[in-house]
Amino acid sequence: MENVKGCYYCDQDEGFRSLLFKICDLKASSVFLCKDQTLPGRCTIMFRDHYNELYEIPKEERDAFMDDVCALAQTIKELFGADKINYAIYGDEVTHVHFTLCPKYKGRLGWGGPFVLFPQEQDKITLTDDLYRERMEQIGAAVMEKRGIRP
């Protein structure tokens, strides 16, 4: 399957790279740290090829992708002490199959309901470059180990 020109996830243009920082490639996907770290550990994971719907992905590849998703969710929960992981796969305007994995914490933003995809500017937490790098290295090493991938 080819990448699709004009697709946010296929193109990964400057706007994309200002909001999502690539952590690593897994067996069927790429993992990105979301710039908004209001809920620590929030990541996006995209299928390596362009498909609009999960059911379009051949079963063997879809199973590998879901194994990647599960490994990332477990990694986030373990590293950041999340009480629950929410999985978002909307894609109305960005059709490339991807999940936003949002760790949820009791008593914090969005607990008891769907996570806030775009929190108010005053609520957003961003990190220093060093803290982003540290968080990305931490997540990357742990999730790659879970998937049996050597860096």
Protein backbone atom coordinates (compact mmCIF):
# COMPACT_ATOMS: atom_id res chain seq x y z
CA MET A 1 0.00 0.00 0.00
CA GLU A 2 1.31 3.42 -0.94
CA ASN A 3 1.25 6.58 1.11
CA VAL A 4 -1.41 9.08 0.09
CA LYS A 5 -0.36 12.59 -0.88
CA GLY A 6 -2.18 15.16 1.23
CA CYS A 7 -2.67 12.75 4.14
CA TYR A 8 -1.64 14.30 7.46
CA TYR A 9 0.04 11.08 8.64
CA CYS A 10 1.60 10.12 5.31
CA ASP A 11 3.04 13.59 4.65
CA GLN A 12 4.19 14.37 8.21
CA ASP A 13 4.75 18.01 7.29
CA GLU A 14 6.08 20.78 9.51
CA GLY A 15 2.68 21.28 11.18
CA PHE A 16 2.54 17.57 11.99
CA ARG A 17 6.10 17.60 13.37
CA SER A 18 5.26 20.59 15.60
CA LEU A 19 2.54 18.56 17.38
CA LEU A 20 3.79 14.97 17.21
CA PHE A 21 7.36 13.88 17.90
CA LYS A 22 8.43 10.53 16.45
CA ILE A 23 9.54 8.07 19.10
CA CYS A 24 10.09 4.86 17.14
CA ASP A 25 8.85 2.35 14.60
CA LEU A 26 7.32 -0.90 15.81
CA LYS A 27 6.37 -4.00 13.82
CA ALA A 28 3.39 -2.45 12.03
CA SER A 29 3.34 1.14 13.18
CA SER A 30 5.07 4.35 14.14
CA VAL A 31 4.75 5.87 17.60
CA PHE A 32 4.66 9.61 18.33
CA LEU A 33 4.64 11.59 21.55
CA CYS A 34 1.96 14.26 21.55
CA LYS A 35 3.23 17.75 22.28
CA ASP A 36 0.33 18.22 24.70
CA GLN A 37 1.38 16.33 27.81
CA THR A 38 -1.44 17.59 30.04
CA LEU A 39 -2.06 13.91 30.71
CA PRO A 40 1.48 12.47 30.94
CA GLY A 41 2.31 9.83 28.34
CA ARG A 42 -0.26 10.79 25.71
CA CYS A 43 0.87 9.28 22.39
CA THR A 44 -0.38 8.62 18.90
CA ILE A 45 0.29 5.39 17.05
CA MET A 46 -0.31 5.14 13.30
CA PHE A 47 -0.44 2.12 11.02
CA ARG A 48 2.61 2.12 8.75
CA ASP A 49 0.60 2.21 5.51
CA HIS A 50 -2.37 4.32 4.54
CA TYR A 51 -5.75 2.71 5.19
CA ASN A 52 -8.94 4.59 5.99
CA GLU A 53 -10.55 1.88 8.14
CA LEU A 54 -9.25 -0.84 10.46
CA TYR A 55 -11.23 -3.49 8.59
CA GLU A 56 -9.40 -2.64 5.35
CA ILE A 57 -6.05 -3.71 6.79
CA PRO A 58 -5.26 -7.37 6.01
CA LYS A 59 -5.87 -9.46 9.15
CA GLU A 60 -2.27 -10.51 9.77
CA GLU A 61 -1.06 -6.90 9.52
CA ARG A 62 -4.00 -5.63 11.59
CA ASP A 63 -3.19 -8.18 14.31
CA ALA A 64 0.43 -6.95 14.38
CA PHE A 65 -0.81 -3.35 14.58
CA MET A 66 -3.12 -4.18 17.48
CA ASP A 67 -0.23 -5.92 19.25
CA ASP A 68 1.75 -2.67 18.82
CA VAL A 69 -1.20 -0.65 20.20
CA CYS A 70 -1.50 -2.94 23.21
CA ALA A 71 2.24 -2.83 23.92
CA LEU A 72 2.18 0.98 23.80
CA ALA A 73 -0.87 1.18 26.06
CA GLN A 74 0.75 -1.14 28.60
CA THR A 75 3.99 0.86 28.43
CA ILE A 76 2.21 4.17 29.05
CA LYS A 77 0.21 2.72 31.95
CA GLU A 78 3.32 1.27 33.59
CA LEU A 79 5.59 4.28 33.06
CA PHE A 80 3.14 7.01 34.03
CA GLY A 81 0.85 5.27 36.54
CA ALA A 82 -2.33 5.87 34.56
CA ASP A 83 -5.56 4.62 36.08
CA LYS A 84 -7.00 3.90 32.62
CA ILE A 85 -6.00 4.24 28.97
CA ASN A 86 -8.51 5.74 26.54
CA TYR A 87 -8.20 4.85 22.86
CA ALA A 88 -9.39 7.34 20.26
CA ILE A 89 -9.67 6.46 16.59
CA TYR A 90 -11.90 9.19 15.15
CA GLY A 91 -10.48 10.01 11.73
CA ASP A 92 -13.31 12.06 10.26
CA GLU A 93 -10.87 14.53 8.74
CA VAL A 94 -7.61 12.61 9.18
CA THR A 95 -8.52 9.24 7.72
CA HIS A 96 -5.18 7.41 8.08
CA VAL A 97 -5.72 4.61 10.63
CA HIS A 98 -4.26 5.75 13.94
CA PHE A 99 -5.05 5.77 17.64
CA THR A 100 -4.49 8.49 20.16
CA LEU A 101 -3.70 6.74 23.44
CA CYS A 102 -4.62 8.98 26.31
CA PRO A 103 -3.71 8.01 29.84
CA LYS A 104 -6.44 8.98 32.31
CA TYR A 105 -5.92 9.78 35.97
CA LYS A 106 -8.63 9.86 38.66
CA GLY A 107 -9.44 13.42 39.64
CA ARG A 108 -7.69 14.95 36.61
CA LEU A 109 -8.85 16.45 33.33
CA GLY A 110 -11.48 14.31 31.60
CA TRP A 111 -11.82 11.58 34.25
CA GLY A 112 -15.23 9.91 34.01
CA GLY A 113 -15.80 10.95 30.41
CA PRO A 114 -14.07 11.00 27.06
CA PHE A 115 -10.63 12.51 27.14
CA VAL A 116 -10.22 16.09 26.04
CA LEU A 117 -8.62 15.93 22.60
CA PHE A 118 -7.74 19.63 22.53
CA PRO A 119 -7.62 21.11 26.04
CA GLN A 120 -7.96 24.84 26.55
CA GLU A 121 -4.67 26.64 26.00
CA GLN A 122 -4.38 27.54 29.69
CA ASP A 123 -4.76 23.85 30.63
CA LYS A 124 -2.11 22.50 28.22
CA ILE A 125 1.14 21.25 29.62
CA THR A 126 4.17 21.34 27.36
CA LEU A 127 7.67 20.26 28.28
CA THR A 128 11.18 21.48 27.70
CA ASP A 129 13.10 19.94 24.80
CA ASP A 130 15.13 17.89 27.28
CA LEU A 131 12.01 16.55 29.00
CA TYR A 132 10.40 15.65 25.66
CA ARG A 133 13.58 13.83 24.64
CA GLU A 134 13.75 11.99 27.98
CA ARG A 135 10.09 10.96 27.79
CA MET A 136 10.50 9.78 24.19
CA GLU A 137 13.58 7.71 25.02
CA GLN A 138 11.82 6.19 28.03
CA ILE A 139 8.70 5.23 26.06
CA GLY A 140 10.67 4.07 23.01
CA ALA A 141 12.99 1.77 24.93
CA ALA A 142 10.16 0.21 26.93
CA VAL A 143 7.72 -0.35 24.05
CA MET A 144 10.43 -1.71 21.73
CA GLU A 145 11.47 -4.17 24.43
CA LYS A 146 7.86 -5.29 24.83
CA ARG A 147 7.67 -5.92 21.07
CA GLY A 148 11.07 -7.69 20.96
CA ILE A 149 12.68 -5.00 18.81
CA ARG A 150 16.29 -3.95 19.25
CA PRO A 151 16.98 -0.24 18.85
